[in-house]
Amino acid sequence: MEFVIEDLPRTMRVQDEPGPGLVQVYTGNGKGKTTAALGLALRACGHRLTVVIIQFAKGVSYTGELFSLQRLYPEIRIYQFGRDCKRSSAIRQGFQSCMGCGECMLRIDEVTGEDRLLAEKGLSLAREIATRDEADIIILDEISLAVNFGLLMVDDVVKLIKEKDNHIEIVLTGRNMPLEILACADLITEMREVRHPYVQGIPARRGIEY
């Protein structure tokens, strides 16, 4: 049986309108929070919904999803507000693998004014999109890290959630999600780590972990 992709309408606001936009949270210490959000973005794109992904404290420009999402533009747009890897070009081109050095990861004792400014710009972009009806889904990836590291005020994130247009779905990811954000959520999924390959000495793998 041949599967034929229909020429779907550019918008879902017709008879099969999906309903009011809800607030989803993916949290916990297990792997898969960002992966789950990206899966939702992929599903939504298949129905011609527009998705904006804003990543906080992330700037690694060699992750596979960046290349995939280039093919799905403009239905899915992604913005990064974090530190990049010094070796990203070589890793992106396949000449080197991620060594897990952690230089691109933000640490709470190394936060700078530039880190805070980047995070504020990311939240400002999210607020603009959420109040101007410019997307169907907004994903705030690692937003809890931005709050817990003092890059953003939790009240500003809650304000964004409460002031968004009614039809917009907001997805927030990150471990240790603040209680104030959890209180706003319609769906909360907690990823619990039971076993992780890192513990067995298996490094991050291209196409799987990045």
C-alpha atoms as a PDB file:
ATOM      1  CA  MET A   1       0.000   0.000   0.000  1.00  0.00           C
ATOM      2  CA  GLU A   2       1.448   3.337  -1.031  1.00  0.00           C
ATOM      3  CA  PHE A   3       1.247   6.162   1.465  1.00  0.00           C
ATOM      4  CA  VAL A   4       0.414   9.487  -0.138  1.00  0.00           C
ATOM      5  CA  ILE A   5       1.046  12.744   1.693  1.00  0.00           C
ATOM      6  CA  GLU A   6      -1.937  14.982   1.144  1.00  0.00           C
ATOM      7  CA  ASP A   7      -1.614  18.657   0.366  1.00  0.00           C
ATOM      8  CA  LEU A   8      -2.634  19.808   3.837  1.00  0.00           C
ATOM      9  CA  PRO A   9      -3.890  23.337   4.445  1.00  0.00           C
ATOM     10  CA  ARG A  10      -1.353  25.851   5.690  1.00  0.00           C
ATOM     11  CA  THR A  11      -3.357  26.403   8.862  1.00  0.00           C
ATOM     12  CA  MET A  12      -5.390  24.174  11.136  1.00  0.00           C
ATOM     13  CA  ARG A  13      -7.959  26.817  12.041  1.00  0.00           C
ATOM     14  CA  VAL A  14     -10.758  25.128  10.159  1.00  0.00           C
ATOM     15  CA  GLN A  15     -13.242  22.418  11.144  1.00  0.00           C
ATOM     16  CA  ASP A  16     -10.573  20.303  12.838  1.00  0.00           C
ATOM     17  CA  GLU A  17      -9.192  23.107  15.005  1.00  0.00           C
ATOM     18  CA  PRO A  18      -7.206  21.447  17.809  1.00  0.00           C
ATOM     19  CA  GLY A  19      -8.748  23.511  20.605  1.00  0.00           C
ATOM     20  CA  PRO A  20      -7.312  25.865  23.212  1.00  0.00           C
ATOM     21  CA  GLY A  21      -3.574  25.999  23.709  1.00  0.00           C
ATOM     22  CA  LEU A  22      -2.400  24.249  26.859  1.00  0.00           C
ATOM     23  CA  VAL A  23       0.778  24.385  28.945  1.00  0.00           C
ATOM     24  CA  GLN A  24       3.004  21.311  28.911  1.00  0.00           C
ATOM     25  CA  VAL A  25       6.022  20.641  31.145  1.00  0.00           C
ATOM     26  CA  TYR A  26       8.675  17.973  30.583  1.00  0.00           C
ATOM     27  CA  THR A  27      10.924  17.771  33.631  1.00  0.00           C
ATOM     28  CA  GLY A  28      12.871  15.286  35.766  1.00  0.00           C
ATOM     29  CA  ASN A  29      16.478  14.071  35.922  1.00  0.00           C
ATOM     30  CA  GLY A  30      16.132  11.554  33.102  1.00  0.00           C
ATOM     31  CA  LYS A  31      17.134  11.846  29.458  1.00  0.00           C
ATOM     32  CA  GLY A  32      14.473  12.724  26.886  1.00  0.00           C
ATOM     33  CA  LYS A  33      12.933  16.092  27.778  1.00  0.00           C
ATOM     34  CA  THR A  34      14.185  18.003  24.751  1.00  0.00           C
ATOM     35  CA  THR A  35      13.723  14.900  22.611  1.00  0.00           C
ATOM     36  CA  ALA A  36      10.050  14.719  23.588  1.00  0.00           C
ATOM     37  CA  ALA A  37       9.545  18.393  22.764  1.00  0.00           C
ATOM     38  CA  LEU A  38      11.187  17.926  19.364  1.00  0.00           C
ATOM     39  CA  GLY A  39       8.902  14.972  18.684  1.00  0.00           C
ATOM     40  CA  LEU A  40       5.892  17.145  19.396  1.00  0.00           C
ATOM     41  CA  ALA A  41       7.260  19.777  17.019  1.00  0.00           C
ATOM     42  CA  LEU A  42       7.646  17.163  14.284  1.00  0.00           C
ATOM     43  CA  ARG A  43       4.070  15.942  14.751  1.00  0.00           C
ATOM     44  CA  ALA A  44       2.688  19.487  14.711  1.00  0.00           C
ATOM     45  CA  CYS A  45       4.616  20.344  11.562  1.00  0.00           C
ATOM     46  CA  GLY A  46       2.919  17.428   9.813  1.00  0.00           C
ATOM     47  CA  HIS A  47      -0.397  19.221  10.349  1.00  0.00           C
ATOM     48  CA  ARG A  48       1.013  22.544   9.137  1.00  0.00           C
ATOM     49  CA  LEU A  49       1.091  24.046  12.617  1.00  0.00           C
ATOM     50  CA  THR A  50       3.864  26.569  13.132  1.00  0.00           C
ATOM     51  CA  VAL A  51       6.371  25.897  15.899  1.00  0.00           C
ATOM     52  CA  VAL A  52       8.988  28.161  17.452  1.00  0.00           C
ATOM     53  CA  ILE A  53      11.704  26.542  19.569  1.00  0.00           C
ATOM     54  CA  ILE A  54      13.711  28.802  21.865  1.00  0.00           C
ATOM     55  CA  GLN A  55      16.639  27.146  23.607  1.00  0.00           C
ATOM     56  CA  PHE A  56      18.045  28.741  26.746  1.00  0.00           C
ATOM     57  CA  ALA A  57      21.666  28.198  27.831  1.00  0.00           C
ATOM     58  CA  LYS A  58      22.159  26.084  24.697  1.00  0.00           C
ATOM     59  CA  GLY A  59      24.170  27.117  21.675  1.00  0.00           C
ATOM     60  CA  VAL A  60      25.752  23.931  20.380  1.00  0.00           C
ATOM     61  CA  SER A  61      25.507  24.353  16.618  1.00  0.00           C
ATOM     62  CA  TYR A  62      26.338  20.748  15.703  1.00  0.00           C
ATOM     63  CA  THR A  63      23.256  18.984  17.091  1.00  0.00           C
ATOM     64  CA  GLY A  64      21.351  16.930  14.544  1.00  0.00           C
ATOM     65  CA  GLU A  65      18.026  18.628  15.152  1.00  0.00           C
ATOM     66  CA  LEU A  66      19.403  21.899  13.785  1.00  0.00           C
ATOM     67  CA  PHE A  67      20.038  20.277  10.397  1.00  0.00           C
ATOM     68  CA  SER A  68      16.674  18.501  10.408  1.00  0.00           C
ATOM     69  CA  LEU A  69      14.768  21.647  11.268  1.00  0.00           C
ATOM     70  CA  GLN A  70      16.417  23.554   8.430  1.00  0.00           C
ATOM     71  CA  ARG A  71      14.432  21.285   6.103  1.00  0.00           C
ATOM     72  CA  LEU A  72      11.188  22.059   7.946  1.00  0.00           C
ATOM     73  CA  TYR A  73      11.564  25.840   7.880  1.00  0.00           C
ATOM     74  CA  PRO A  74       9.416  27.943   8.088  1.00  0.00           C
ATOM     75  CA  GLU A  75       6.920  25.640   9.828  1.00  0.00           C
ATOM     76  CA  ILE A  76       9.542  25.122  12.563  1.00  0.00           C
ATOM     77  CA  ARG A  77      11.957  27.847  13.596  1.00  0.00           C
ATOM     78  CA  ILE A  78      14.647  27.406  16.234  1.00  0.00           C
ATOM     79  CA  TYR A  79      16.605  30.059  18.128  1.00  0.00           C
ATOM     80  CA  GLN A  80      19.504  29.428  20.504  1.00  0.00           C
ATOM     81  CA  PHE A  81      20.508  31.687  23.373  1.00  0.00           C
ATOM     82  CA  GLY A  82      23.553  30.041  24.878  1.00  0.00           C
ATOM     83  CA  ARG A  83      27.224  29.224  24.513  1.00  0.00           C
ATOM     84  CA  ASP A  84      28.539  27.399  21.447  1.00  0.00           C
ATOM     85  CA  CYS A  85      31.266  24.774  21.265  1.00  0.00           C
ATOM     86  CA  LYS A  86      34.744  25.850  20.131  1.00  0.00           C
ATOM     87  CA  ARG A  87      34.991  22.692  18.035  1.00  0.00           C
ATOM     88  CA  SER A  88      31.470  22.865  16.611  1.00  0.00           C
ATOM     89  CA  SER A  89      32.617  23.324  13.004  1.00  0.00           C
ATOM     90  CA  ALA A  90      34.794  20.190  13.037  1.00  0.00           C
ATOM     91  CA  ILE A  91      32.103  18.180  14.831  1.00  0.00           C
ATOM     92  CA  ARG A  92      29.408  19.421  12.469  1.00  0.00           C
ATOM     93  CA  GLN A  93      31.462  18.364   9.448  1.00  0.00           C
ATOM     94  CA  GLY A  94      32.156  14.939  10.923  1.00  0.00           C
ATOM     95  CA  PHE A  95      35.903  15.364  11.470  1.00  0.00           C
ATOM     96  CA  GLN A  96      35.598  15.126  15.240  1.00  0.00           C
ATOM     97  CA  SER A  97      33.186  13.743  17.801  1.00  0.00           C
ATOM     98  CA  CYS A  98      31.796  15.444  20.872  1.00  0.00           C
ATOM     99  CA  MET A  99      34.179  14.609  23.718  1.00  0.00           C
ATOM    100  CA  GLY A 100      31.775  15.658  26.452  1.00  0.00           C
ATOM    101  CA  CYS A 101      34.143  18.317  27.761  1.00  0.00           C
ATOM    102  CA  GLY A 102      31.242  20.455  28.930  1.00  0.00           C
ATOM    103  CA  GLU A 103      32.750  23.756  27.788  1.00  0.00           C
ATOM    104  CA  CYS A 104      29.516  24.662  26.007  1.00  0.00           C
ATOM    105  CA  MET A 105      27.450  23.954  29.140  1.00  0.00           C
ATOM    106  CA  LEU A 106      26.611  26.756  31.515  1.00  0.00           C
ATOM    107  CA  ARG A 107      27.617  26.280  35.160  1.00  0.00           C
ATOM    108  CA  ILE A 108      25.929  28.143  37.973  1.00  0.00           C
ATOM    109  CA  ASP A 109      29.226  29.484  39.345  1.00  0.00           C
ATOM    110  CA  GLU A 110      30.271  30.824  35.921  1.00  0.00           C
ATOM    111  CA  VAL A 111      27.224  32.866  34.951  1.00  0.00           C
ATOM    112  CA  THR A 112      28.098  36.177  33.304  1.00  0.00           C
ATOM    113  CA  GLY A 113      26.206  39.312  32.378  1.00  0.00           C
ATOM    114  CA  GLU A 114      26.297  38.186  28.744  1.00  0.00           C
ATOM    115  CA  ASP A 115      24.582  34.918  29.702  1.00  0.00           C
ATOM    116  CA  ARG A 116      21.805  36.871  31.423  1.00  0.00           C
ATOM    117  CA  LEU A 117      21.441  39.250  28.475  1.00  0.00           C
ATOM    118  CA  LEU A 118      21.108  36.359  26.036  1.00  0.00           C
ATOM    119  CA  ALA A 119      18.457  34.681  28.184  1.00  0.00           C
ATOM    120  CA  GLU A 120      16.511  37.929  28.484  1.00  0.00           C
ATOM    121  CA  LYS A 121      16.581  38.297  24.700  1.00  0.00           C
ATOM    122  CA  GLY A 122      15.242  34.780  24.369  1.00  0.00           C
ATOM    123  CA  LEU A 123      12.373  35.439  26.745  1.00  0.00           C
ATOM    124  CA  SER A 124      11.617  38.730  25.011  1.00  0.00           C
ATOM    125  CA  LEU A 125      11.387  36.903  21.688  1.00  0.00           C
ATOM    126  CA  ALA A 126       9.059  34.321  23.221  1.00  0.00           C
ATOM    127  CA  ARG A 127       6.850  37.056  24.660  1.00  0.00           C
ATOM    128  CA  GLU A 128       6.652  38.821  21.299  1.00  0.00           C
ATOM    129  CA  ILE A 129       5.675  35.630  19.484  1.00  0.00           C
ATOM    130  CA  ALA A 130       3.203  34.580  22.189  1.00  0.00           C
ATOM    131  CA  THR A 131       1.304  37.864  22.164  1.00  0.00           C
ATOM    132  CA  ARG A 132       1.337  38.543  18.420  1.00  0.00           C
ATOM    133  CA  ASP A 133      -0.187  35.266  17.255  1.00  0.00           C
ATOM    134  CA  GLU A 134       2.970  34.306  15.356  1.00  0.00           C
ATOM    135  CA  ALA A 135       3.027  30.584  16.199  1.00  0.00           C
ATOM    136  CA  ASP A 136       0.801  27.709  17.221  1.00  0.00           C
ATOM    137  CA  ILE A 137       3.358  26.125  19.560  1.00  0.00           C
ATOM    138  CA  ILE A 138       6.224  27.707  21.502  1.00  0.00           C
ATOM    139  CA  ILE A 139       8.834  25.444  23.063  1.00  0.00           C
ATOM    140  CA  LEU A 140      10.965  26.959  25.825  1.00  0.00           C
ATOM    141  CA  ASP A 141      13.785  24.442  26.076  1.00  0.00           C
ATOM    142  CA  GLU A 142      15.821  24.408  29.331  1.00  0.00           C
ATOM    143  CA  ILE A 143      13.773  27.285  30.699  1.00  0.00           C
ATOM    144  CA  SER A 144      14.090  25.848  34.218  1.00  0.00           C
ATOM    145  CA  LEU A 145      17.870  26.014  33.988  1.00  0.00           C
ATOM    146  CA  ALA A 146      17.651  29.669  32.992  1.00  0.00           C
ATOM    147  CA  VAL A 147      15.478  30.378  36.040  1.00  0.00           C
ATOM    148  CA  ASN A 148      17.436  28.237  38.494  1.00  0.00           C
ATOM    149  CA  PHE A 149      20.745  29.772  37.399  1.00  0.00           C
ATOM    150  CA  GLY A 150      19.395  33.285  37.888  1.00  0.00           C
ATOM    151  CA  LEU A 151      19.342  34.211  34.209  1.00  0.00           C
ATOM    152  CA  LEU A 152      15.598  34.898  34.325  1.00  0.00           C
ATOM    153  CA  MET A 153      13.002  35.674  36.969  1.00  0.00           C
ATOM    154  CA  VAL A 154      10.389  32.974  37.409  1.00  0.00           C
ATOM    155  CA  ASP A 155       7.665  35.637  37.669  1.00  0.00           C
ATOM    156  CA  ASP A 156       8.519  36.820  34.151  1.00  0.00           C
ATOM    157  CA  VAL A 157       8.109  33.293  32.793  1.00  0.00           C
ATOM    158  CA  VAL A 158       4.784  32.866  34.594  1.00  0.00           C
ATOM    159  CA  LYS A 159       3.636  36.213  33.213  1.00  0.00           C
ATOM    160  CA  LEU A 160       4.456  35.041  29.687  1.00  0.00           C
ATOM    161  CA  ILE A 161       2.419  31.881  30.205  1.00  0.00           C
ATOM    162  CA  LYS A 162      -0.590  33.759  31.522  1.00  0.00           C
ATOM    163  CA  GLU A 163      -0.537  36.469  28.865  1.00  0.00           C
ATOM    164  CA  LYS A 164      -0.114  34.230  25.801  1.00  0.00           C
ATOM    165  CA  ASP A 165      -2.815  34.093  23.148  1.00  0.00           C
ATOM    166  CA  ASN A 166      -5.408  31.485  24.044  1.00  0.00           C
ATOM    167  CA  HIS A 167      -4.746  29.115  21.122  1.00  0.00           C
ATOM    168  CA  ILE A 168      -0.959  28.915  21.610  1.00  0.00           C
ATOM    169  CA  GLU A 169       0.472  25.755  23.146  1.00  0.00           C
ATOM    170  CA  ILE A 170       3.510  26.334  25.353  1.00  0.00           C
ATOM    171  CA  VAL A 171       5.983  23.567  26.174  1.00  0.00           C
ATOM    172  CA  LEU A 172       8.598  24.083  28.894  1.00  0.00           C
ATOM    173  CA  THR A 173      11.488  21.690  29.459  1.00  0.00           C
ATOM    174  CA  GLY A 174      14.248  21.224  32.007  1.00  0.00           C
ATOM    175  CA  ARG A 175      14.993  19.489  35.279  1.00  0.00           C
ATOM    176  CA  ASN A 176      13.963  20.985  38.630  1.00  0.00           C
ATOM    177  CA  MET A 177      11.119  22.974  37.099  1.00  0.00           C
ATOM    178  CA  PRO A 178      10.095  25.750  39.522  1.00  0.00           C
ATOM    179  CA  LEU A 179       6.861  25.168  41.422  1.00  0.00           C
ATOM    180  CA  GLU A 180       5.433  28.442  40.114  1.00  0.00           C
ATOM    181  CA  ILE A 181       5.667  27.111  36.565  1.00  0.00           C
ATOM    182  CA  LEU A 182       4.350  23.674  37.499  1.00  0.00           C
ATOM    183  CA  ALA A 183       1.284  25.377  38.980  1.00  0.00           C
ATOM    184  CA  CYS A 184       0.471  26.793  35.514  1.00  0.00           C
ATOM    185  CA  ALA A 185       0.765  23.477  33.683  1.00  0.00           C
ATOM    186  CA  ASP A 186      -2.041  21.395  32.203  1.00  0.00           C
ATOM    187  CA  LEU A 187       0.320  18.478  31.551  1.00  0.00           C
ATOM    188  CA  ILE A 188       3.412  17.494  33.510  1.00  0.00           C
ATOM    189  CA  THR A 189       5.649  14.602  32.479  1.00  0.00           C
ATOM    190  CA  GLU A 190       8.599  13.656  34.677  1.00  0.00           C
ATOM    191  CA  MET A 191      11.512  11.804  33.091  1.00  0.00           C
ATOM    192  CA  ARG A 192      13.089   9.503  35.700  1.00  0.00           C
ATOM    193  CA  GLU A 193      16.576   8.159  35.145  1.00  0.00           C
ATOM    194  CA  VAL A 194      16.669   4.402  35.691  1.00  0.00           C
ATOM    195  CA  ARG A 195      19.781   3.607  33.678  1.00  0.00           C
ATOM    196  CA  HIS A 196      22.079   5.759  31.549  1.00  0.00           C
ATOM    197  CA  PRO A 197      24.852   4.737  29.126  1.00  0.00           C
ATOM    198  CA  TYR A 198      27.145   7.431  30.513  1.00  0.00           C
ATOM    199  CA  VAL A 199      27.421   5.392  33.710  1.00  0.00           C
ATOM    200  CA  GLN A 200      28.750   2.511  31.606  1.00  0.00           C
ATOM    201  CA  GLY A 201      31.371   4.790  30.081  1.00  0.00           C
ATOM    202  CA  ILE A 202      29.576   5.145  26.745  1.00  0.00           C
ATOM    203  CA  PRO A 203      30.142   8.692  25.404  1.00  0.00           C
ATOM    204  CA  ALA A 204      27.608  10.816  23.553  1.00  0.00           C
ATOM    205  CA  ARG A 205      26.871   9.343  20.112  1.00  0.00           C
ATOM    206  CA  ARG A 206      26.282  11.240  16.885  1.00  0.00           C
ATOM    207  CA  GLY A 207      22.656  11.082  15.852  1.00  0.00           C
ATOM    208  CA  ILE A 208      21.525   9.679  19.216  1.00  0.00           C
ATOM    209  CA  GLU A 209      22.651  12.060  21.956  1.00  0.00           C
ATOM    210  CA  TYR A 210      23.495  14.967  19.640  1.00  0.00           C
END
